[in-house]
Each structure stands twice: as C-alpha cells, then as structure tokens.
Amino acid sequence: MVMPLDSSATTSSSVIRLSGTRQRYGRSVGPATSGTLPTVENPLDRATALDFSGRAVIVTGGTRGLGRAIAGAFLDAGADVVTCARNAPKEVVASADGTRQAAFVPADVRDPDQVATLVATAVERMGRLDVLVNNAGGAPTADSATVSPRFNEKVVALNLIGPMTCCQAAYRVMADQDGTGVMINVSSVSGSRPNPLGVAYGAAKAGLANMAATLAHEWGPGVRVLTLAVGMIETDDAAAFYGDEESRAAIGAHLAMGRLGHPAEVADMCLVLASPLARWVTGTTVEVHGGGEGPAWLATVTDRD
C-alpha cells in the first residue's frame, strides 16, 4: 500500500488523492475529467460519437475472420487502422466502399520485439494510438489428459501473454496522450464456462478478464481497458467448429437470439466500447453472445414431459 505523504492527503486503499492528480499504485495519474472526454461544460455530441475520423487503431489478427470485420468497421467509421498477423493477407483490409485501406505490419504477438515494432510503426504512420483491439488468438482442440505442456504453453502465450505484451506496448504511447486510450481484449465465452478439449484456451481467455480489470485500475482513468467475451459466430472457420449449415442452425437454436452471430455484430460493439458512448465503462467484461445457451437440463425435462 502507498502511504500518505502528509496528514492532509485523503487515502483510500492504495490511492492517494492530491490537488488535481492522484498517486495510484506508485505513479501519478491525472484527474478523472482529464483529456477530451465529455464534461458538463462540453457535453457529448451523440450524433458524432461513432465518428472515428482522426483516430488511430491497431487490430491484432486483423486480416481474416472476426479481426478483419473489426478492422473494416473502424475503417468505415473513419479511423486510421493498422492490422497485424504472422502472414500478409491475400486481399487488403478495406472499408466497405473500398476507398480506405488498413496498413499491414507482419507481427507475431508472442514476440515482444515484434510487438514493439508493430506499435512503433503504427505510431510512425498514424501519429498516435487511440485504440488497441487484441483480437489475435485461438487454439485447436486437445485432450486435457494427454496434451503436452509445450502445447499449453503456446496456447497461453498466444491468448494471454501476447495481449498483455500488446497492452504494455500500447500503454507507453497512450499514457502520454490526451486521455482517450482504449484497449479491447477479445475473449470468448469459453473463458467463463467449462471448455472441454480446450483447457489452456479457456484458462487463457479467463485470464484476459482479470487482466483488463487489473489494468483498468492501474492505468485509469486515462486509459480504459475492457474484455469482450464473444459467443458462437459465423466465421470462415465456423464449419470446422460447428459443422455444416444444418448443424450450425441447430446449435444456434439453443441461443436466446435463435441463431449464431455474425462478425459485424461483434465489430459494432467494438466501435461502441471504443467510443465516448462507453466513457464510464472500464475494467469489465461485455458479453456478445446472442443471450447465450439455455440450460441443457431444462430442455431434457421439457422433452420428457
């Protein structure tokens, strides 16, 4: 715990409140109304809240699937976007009208040096960094009793340590800006429920929630950190996970919304969370899962009746 500097300082847990600034966990942070956030004197213009013109965004794993949809959504909203992946995309990531394109930087988020290069390149190209979306991740299924420690290590490195490294690199830039930094860590419902044949993946995704809550306290209020828990969605790999179209329809029927989700629906939530509309939202997990699955036991009892 950080001790008071003098008897006039008001302490609460490990936070010391001083005139206009705070000492939080060993560092100084500005007042909660710092930067360009809306205030009573300067209220939010909701008509333009989702206009990201002039904003700079990094989307890791942003060349295919969900990441590509997220990058495209930010481009559509006017943002400058840099994506990364280990391999360059066959087609550039572009806005819906084709007039704007994302820059690409080859990077493996498990490599700290490559992450540092990614962030430095993005800042060099765009002049700043406002939003980081940690989307890179994934893992094949594996039997928990026989899977190798090396396999588990790689899964955790990609799905937890990589995002952590990206957050650290992005924070070094955002901390010197005007209080509008946002980090969104794309997680999965697998992190909050049993995940058979994916123990390392589920554990890593669960870790993202704690990471976001922790960093939100350490780095707030200037930088907001969030977790986005995504449910079952239709991507290029959906058939491999959920089967053919008939099978996917049957699985979707168990969700409250009655269908699997679409990447664009997750991307839209990223826009909202990165915007001033979510200015008081940080350190929490937002679930985008179509209401989730109903209890299997209830269906069994109903069928029996």
Protein backbone atom coordinates (compact mmCIF):
# COMPACT_ATOMS: atom_id res chain seq x y z
CA MET A 1 0.00 0.00 0.00
CA VAL A 2 1.16 3.53 -0.79
CA MET A 3 1.37 5.56 2.46
CA PRO A 4 0.10 9.17 2.80
CA LEU A 5 2.58 11.93 2.06
CA ASP A 6 1.11 14.06 4.83
CA SER A 7 -1.90 14.20 7.11
CA SER A 8 -3.86 16.36 4.65
CA ALA A 9 -3.91 13.66 1.99
CA THR A 10 -7.08 11.58 1.87
CA THR A 11 -6.31 7.91 1.39
CA SER A 12 -8.49 5.09 0.12
CA SER A 13 -6.90 1.68 -0.30
CA SER A 14 -3.72 2.27 -2.31
CA VAL A 15 -4.81 5.60 -3.83
CA ILE A 16 -3.67 9.00 -2.56
CA ARG A 17 -5.76 11.97 -3.67
CA LEU A 18 -3.89 15.24 -4.07
CA SER A 19 -4.79 18.52 -5.76
CA GLY A 20 -5.76 17.64 -9.33
CA THR A 21 -3.65 14.49 -9.51
CA ARG A 22 -3.54 11.13 -7.79
CA GLN A 23 -0.82 8.76 -6.78
CA ARG A 24 -2.08 5.35 -7.81
CA TYR A 25 -0.02 2.20 -7.38
CA GLY A 26 3.20 4.17 -7.38
CA ARG A 27 2.53 6.53 -10.29
CA SER A 28 0.83 9.88 -10.84
CA VAL A 29 -2.41 10.00 -12.79
CA GLY A 30 -4.47 12.95 -13.89
CA PRO A 31 -7.95 13.84 -12.69
CA ALA A 32 -10.88 11.74 -13.84
CA THR A 33 -12.06 14.51 -16.16
CA SER A 34 -8.73 14.88 -17.94
CA GLY A 35 -8.31 14.83 -21.68
CA THR A 36 -11.02 15.22 -24.29
CA LEU A 37 -13.78 13.27 -22.53
CA PRO A 38 -17.21 14.94 -22.37
CA THR A 39 -17.89 17.20 -19.39
CA VAL A 40 -20.85 19.23 -18.15
CA GLU A 41 -19.41 22.24 -19.92
CA ASN A 42 -18.58 20.25 -23.05
CA PRO A 43 -21.32 17.59 -23.39
CA LEU A 44 -21.16 14.59 -25.66
CA ASP A 45 -22.42 15.02 -29.22
CA ARG A 46 -24.12 11.66 -29.67
CA ALA A 47 -24.68 12.31 -33.36
CA THR A 48 -20.92 12.09 -33.96
CA ALA A 49 -19.90 9.76 -31.12
CA LEU A 50 -19.18 6.90 -33.52
CA ASP A 51 -17.15 9.05 -35.91
CA PHE A 52 -13.57 7.86 -35.55
CA SER A 53 -12.06 10.30 -38.03
CA GLY A 54 -8.56 11.19 -36.93
CA ARG A 55 -8.41 8.26 -34.52
CA ALA A 56 -5.68 5.62 -34.78
CA VAL A 57 -6.45 1.95 -34.22
CA ILE A 58 -4.44 -1.27 -34.08
CA VAL A 59 -6.26 -4.59 -34.59
CA THR A 60 -4.13 -7.66 -33.97
CA GLY A 61 -5.09 -10.68 -36.02
CA GLY A 62 -6.98 -8.21 -38.17
CA THR A 63 -6.57 -9.80 -41.58
CA ARG A 64 -9.22 -12.52 -41.51
CA GLY A 65 -12.39 -13.64 -39.75
CA LEU A 66 -13.56 -11.56 -36.81
CA GLY A 67 -10.44 -9.40 -36.77
CA ARG A 68 -10.95 -8.40 -40.39
CA ALA A 69 -14.54 -7.41 -39.63
CA ILE A 70 -13.39 -5.30 -36.67
CA ALA A 71 -10.71 -3.56 -38.73
CA GLY A 72 -13.20 -2.92 -41.52
CA ALA A 73 -15.73 -1.44 -39.09
CA PHE A 74 -13.19 1.05 -37.78
CA LEU A 75 -12.23 1.97 -41.34
CA ASP A 76 -15.91 2.52 -42.16
CA ALA A 77 -16.14 4.78 -39.11
CA GLY A 78 -13.27 6.94 -40.38
CA ALA A 79 -10.38 5.62 -38.31
CA ASP A 80 -6.85 5.01 -39.50
CA VAL A 81 -6.16 1.32 -38.95
CA VAL A 82 -3.08 -0.87 -38.72
CA THR A 83 -3.52 -4.64 -38.66
CA CYS A 84 -1.03 -7.36 -37.91
CA ALA A 85 -0.71 -11.10 -38.39
CA ARG A 86 2.12 -13.50 -38.99
CA ASN A 87 1.35 -13.59 -42.72
CA ALA A 88 0.18 -10.85 -45.06
CA PRO A 89 -3.45 -11.11 -46.22
CA LYS A 90 -4.22 -12.19 -49.75
CA GLU A 91 -6.51 -9.17 -50.07
CA VAL A 92 -6.01 -5.86 -48.30
CA VAL A 93 -8.39 -5.00 -45.49
CA ALA A 94 -10.54 -2.13 -46.76
CA SER A 95 -13.60 -0.10 -45.90
CA ALA A 96 -16.95 -1.24 -47.29
CA ASP A 97 -16.79 1.32 -50.09
CA GLY A 98 -13.20 0.39 -50.93
CA THR A 99 -11.88 3.91 -50.52
CA ARG A 100 -9.83 3.34 -47.37
CA GLN A 101 -7.37 0.59 -46.54
CA ALA A 102 -5.70 -0.69 -43.40
CA ALA A 103 -1.93 -0.79 -43.24
CA PHE A 104 -0.39 -4.17 -42.51
CA VAL A 105 2.59 -4.94 -40.27
CA PRO A 106 3.80 -8.54 -40.04
CA ALA A 107 3.97 -9.47 -36.36
CA ASP A 108 3.59 -12.41 -34.05
CA VAL A 109 2.09 -11.08 -30.80
CA ARG A 110 4.01 -13.74 -28.86
CA ASP A 111 7.27 -11.96 -29.74
CA PRO A 112 7.83 -8.80 -27.65
CA ASP A 113 10.25 -7.33 -30.17
CA GLN A 114 7.75 -7.73 -32.99
CA VAL A 115 5.02 -6.19 -30.84
CA ALA A 116 7.26 -3.21 -30.12
CA THR A 117 7.89 -2.81 -33.84
CA LEU A 118 4.15 -3.06 -34.55
CA VAL A 119 3.28 -0.25 -32.15
CA ALA A 120 6.22 1.93 -33.21
CA THR A 121 5.30 1.51 -36.88
CA ALA A 122 1.67 2.30 -36.20
CA VAL A 123 2.57 5.49 -34.34
CA GLU A 124 5.02 6.48 -37.07
CA ARG A 125 2.31 6.06 -39.72
CA MET A 126 -0.64 7.48 -37.81
CA GLY A 127 0.98 9.90 -35.39
CA ARG A 128 -0.77 8.50 -32.31
CA LEU A 129 -2.60 5.48 -30.95
CA ASP A 130 -6.15 5.71 -29.63
CA VAL A 131 -7.48 2.16 -29.71
CA LEU A 132 -5.90 -1.27 -29.38
CA VAL A 133 -8.02 -4.32 -30.18
CA ASN A 134 -6.32 -7.53 -29.09
CA ASN A 135 -8.04 -9.99 -31.38
CA ALA A 136 -5.26 -12.43 -32.29
CA GLY A 137 -5.81 -15.80 -30.67
CA GLY A 138 -7.30 -19.25 -30.99
CA ALA A 139 -6.35 -22.87 -30.43
CA PRO A 140 -7.12 -26.33 -31.81
CA THR A 141 -8.87 -28.85 -29.59
CA ALA A 142 -6.76 -31.18 -27.47
CA ASP A 143 -7.40 -33.86 -24.88
CA SER A 144 -6.62 -32.38 -21.47
CA ALA A 145 -5.17 -35.62 -20.09
CA THR A 146 -2.58 -36.11 -22.80
CA VAL A 147 -1.87 -32.66 -24.25
CA SER A 148 1.78 -31.65 -23.92
CA PRO A 149 2.99 -28.84 -21.65
CA ARG A 150 4.58 -27.24 -24.72
CA PHE A 151 1.19 -27.11 -26.47
CA ASN A 152 -0.41 -25.49 -23.42
CA GLU A 153 2.43 -23.01 -23.18
CA LYS A 154 1.94 -21.93 -26.79
CA VAL A 155 -1.82 -21.53 -26.35
CA VAL A 156 -1.41 -19.37 -23.24
CA ALA A 157 1.33 -17.36 -24.92
CA LEU A 158 -0.93 -16.50 -27.86
CA ASN A 159 -4.17 -15.92 -25.98
CA LEU A 160 -2.97 -14.25 -22.78
CA ILE A 161 0.69 -13.27 -22.73
CA GLY A 162 0.53 -11.83 -26.26
CA PRO A 163 -2.38 -9.49 -25.46
CA MET A 164 -0.63 -8.49 -22.23
CA THR A 165 2.52 -7.60 -24.15
CA CYS A 166 0.48 -5.60 -26.67
CA CYS A 167 -1.26 -3.71 -23.86
CA GLN A 168 2.06 -2.81 -22.29
CA ALA A 169 3.48 -1.54 -25.58
CA ALA A 170 0.34 0.45 -26.37
CA TYR A 171 0.16 1.95 -22.90
CA ARG A 172 3.57 3.55 -23.27
CA VAL A 173 2.09 5.58 -26.13
CA MET A 174 -1.39 6.19 -24.73
CA ALA A 175 -0.11 7.36 -21.35
CA ASP A 176 1.38 10.45 -22.96
CA GLN A 177 -1.77 11.35 -24.90
CA ASP A 178 -4.96 13.19 -24.06
CA GLY A 179 -6.84 10.61 -22.01
CA THR A 180 -8.70 8.82 -24.80
CA GLY A 181 -6.88 5.49 -24.92
CA VAL A 182 -8.99 2.34 -25.11
CA MET A 183 -7.87 -1.29 -25.06
CA ILE A 184 -10.33 -4.03 -26.00
CA ASN A 185 -9.30 -7.62 -25.40
CA VAL A 186 -11.34 -10.04 -27.47
CA SER A 187 -12.11 -13.04 -25.30
CA SER A 188 -14.58 -15.89 -25.51
CA VAL A 189 -17.44 -17.39 -23.56
CA SER A 190 -15.04 -20.33 -23.21
CA GLY A 191 -13.30 -18.28 -20.53
CA SER A 192 -16.33 -18.20 -18.25
CA ARG A 193 -17.76 -21.70 -18.67
CA PRO A 194 -16.36 -25.25 -18.86
CA ASN A 195 -14.34 -25.71 -22.03
CA PRO A 196 -13.77 -29.43 -22.63
CA LEU A 197 -10.89 -30.21 -25.02
CA GLY A 198 -9.60 -26.67 -24.59
CA VAL A 199 -8.36 -26.29 -21.02
CA ALA A 200 -5.44 -23.98 -21.86
CA TYR A 201 -7.55 -21.85 -24.19
CA GLY A 202 -10.35 -21.44 -21.65
CA ALA A 203 -7.91 -20.62 -18.86
CA ALA A 204 -6.10 -18.05 -21.01
CA LYS A 205 -9.36 -16.36 -22.00
CA ALA A 206 -10.44 -16.29 -18.36
CA GLY A 207 -7.15 -14.56 -17.62
CA LEU A 208 -8.00 -11.74 -20.03
CA ALA A 209 -10.90 -10.69 -17.79
CA ASN A 210 -8.67 -10.33 -14.75
CA MET A 211 -6.01 -8.60 -16.82
CA ALA A 212 -8.48 -5.99 -18.04
CA ALA A 213 -9.86 -5.37 -14.56
CA THR A 214 -6.37 -5.01 -13.14
CA LEU A 215 -5.03 -2.72 -15.86
CA ALA A 216 -8.15 -0.57 -15.73
CA HIS A 217 -7.27 0.28 -12.14
CA GLU A 218 -3.57 0.75 -12.78
CA TRP A 219 -3.95 2.79 -15.96
CA GLY A 220 -7.26 4.60 -15.48
CA PRO A 221 -8.83 6.98 -15.91
CA GLY A 222 -6.84 7.99 -18.97
CA VAL A 223 -6.80 4.51 -20.49
CA ARG A 224 -9.88 2.29 -20.43
CA VAL A 225 -9.33 -1.47 -20.60
CA LEU A 226 -12.13 -3.91 -21.43
CA THR A 227 -12.79 -7.53 -22.25
CA LEU A 228 -15.23 -8.56 -24.98
CA ALA A 229 -16.47 -12.13 -24.46
CA VAL A 230 -17.63 -13.41 -27.83
CA GLY A 231 -20.03 -16.30 -28.31
CA MET A 232 -20.58 -18.59 -31.27
CA ILE A 233 -20.32 -16.66 -34.54
CA GLU A 234 -20.26 -17.46 -38.25
CA THR A 235 -16.69 -17.05 -39.49
CA ASP A 236 -14.60 -18.69 -42.18
CA ASP A 237 -13.78 -21.43 -39.67
CA ALA A 238 -17.34 -21.96 -38.42
CA ALA A 239 -17.81 -25.22 -40.31
CA ALA A 240 -14.73 -26.71 -38.65
CA PHE A 241 -16.11 -25.96 -35.19
CA TYR A 242 -19.88 -26.20 -35.59
CA GLY A 243 -20.40 -28.42 -38.63
CA ASP A 244 -22.45 -27.86 -41.77
CA GLU A 245 -25.21 -25.30 -42.23
CA GLU A 246 -27.89 -27.58 -40.78
CA SER A 247 -25.77 -28.30 -37.73
CA ARG A 248 -24.99 -24.63 -37.19
CA ALA A 249 -28.69 -23.77 -37.38
CA ALA A 250 -29.45 -26.41 -34.75
CA ILE A 251 -26.72 -25.09 -32.48
CA GLY A 252 -27.91 -21.52 -32.96
CA ALA A 253 -31.42 -22.52 -31.97
CA HIS A 254 -30.15 -23.03 -28.40
CA LEU A 255 -29.18 -19.36 -28.12
CA ALA A 256 -31.61 -16.74 -26.89
CA MET A 257 -31.40 -14.99 -30.28
CA GLY A 258 -32.06 -18.28 -32.08
CA ARG A 259 -29.02 -18.13 -34.37
CA LEU A 260 -25.24 -17.84 -34.45
CA GLY A 261 -23.84 -14.33 -34.51
CA HIS A 262 -22.07 -12.51 -37.32
CA PRO A 263 -18.63 -10.88 -37.10
CA ALA A 264 -20.14 -7.49 -37.95
CA GLU A 265 -22.29 -7.66 -34.81
CA VAL A 266 -19.19 -8.07 -32.66
CA ALA A 267 -17.36 -5.37 -34.60
CA ASP A 268 -20.19 -2.93 -33.94
CA MET A 269 -19.82 -3.48 -30.20
CA CYS A 270 -16.10 -2.74 -30.51
CA LEU A 271 -17.00 0.62 -32.04
CA VAL A 272 -19.36 1.42 -29.18
CA LEU A 273 -16.89 0.40 -26.48
CA ALA A 274 -14.09 2.40 -28.09
CA SER A 275 -16.28 5.48 -28.41
CA PRO A 276 -17.21 8.20 -25.89
CA LEU A 277 -20.57 6.45 -25.53
CA ALA A 278 -18.75 3.99 -23.25
CA ARG A 279 -16.67 6.64 -21.47
CA TRP A 280 -17.55 5.27 -17.98
CA VAL A 281 -17.11 1.61 -18.95
CA THR A 282 -13.80 0.02 -18.00
CA GLY A 283 -12.40 -2.96 -16.16
CA THR A 284 -15.34 -5.17 -17.05
CA THR A 285 -16.36 -7.93 -19.45
CA VAL A 286 -19.04 -7.25 -22.04
CA GLU A 287 -20.67 -10.39 -23.39
CA VAL A 288 -21.70 -10.52 -27.05
CA HIS A 289 -23.15 -14.00 -27.34
CA GLY A 290 -26.74 -13.74 -28.52
CA GLY A 291 -28.02 -14.30 -24.99
CA GLY A 292 -26.02 -17.48 -24.51
CA GLU A 293 -27.25 -21.05 -24.38
CA GLY A 294 -30.26 -22.16 -22.39
CA PRO A 295 -29.77 -24.77 -19.66
CA ALA A 296 -29.49 -28.23 -21.23
CA TRP A 297 -31.19 -29.91 -18.28
CA LEU A 298 -34.32 -27.82 -18.83
CA ALA A 299 -34.58 -28.99 -22.44
CA THR A 300 -34.21 -32.58 -21.26
CA VAL A 301 -37.00 -32.20 -18.71
CA THR A 302 -39.22 -30.47 -21.26
CA ASP A 303 -38.67 -33.24 -23.81
CA ARG A 304 -39.52 -35.84 -21.18
CA ASP A 305 -42.81 -34.11 -20.46
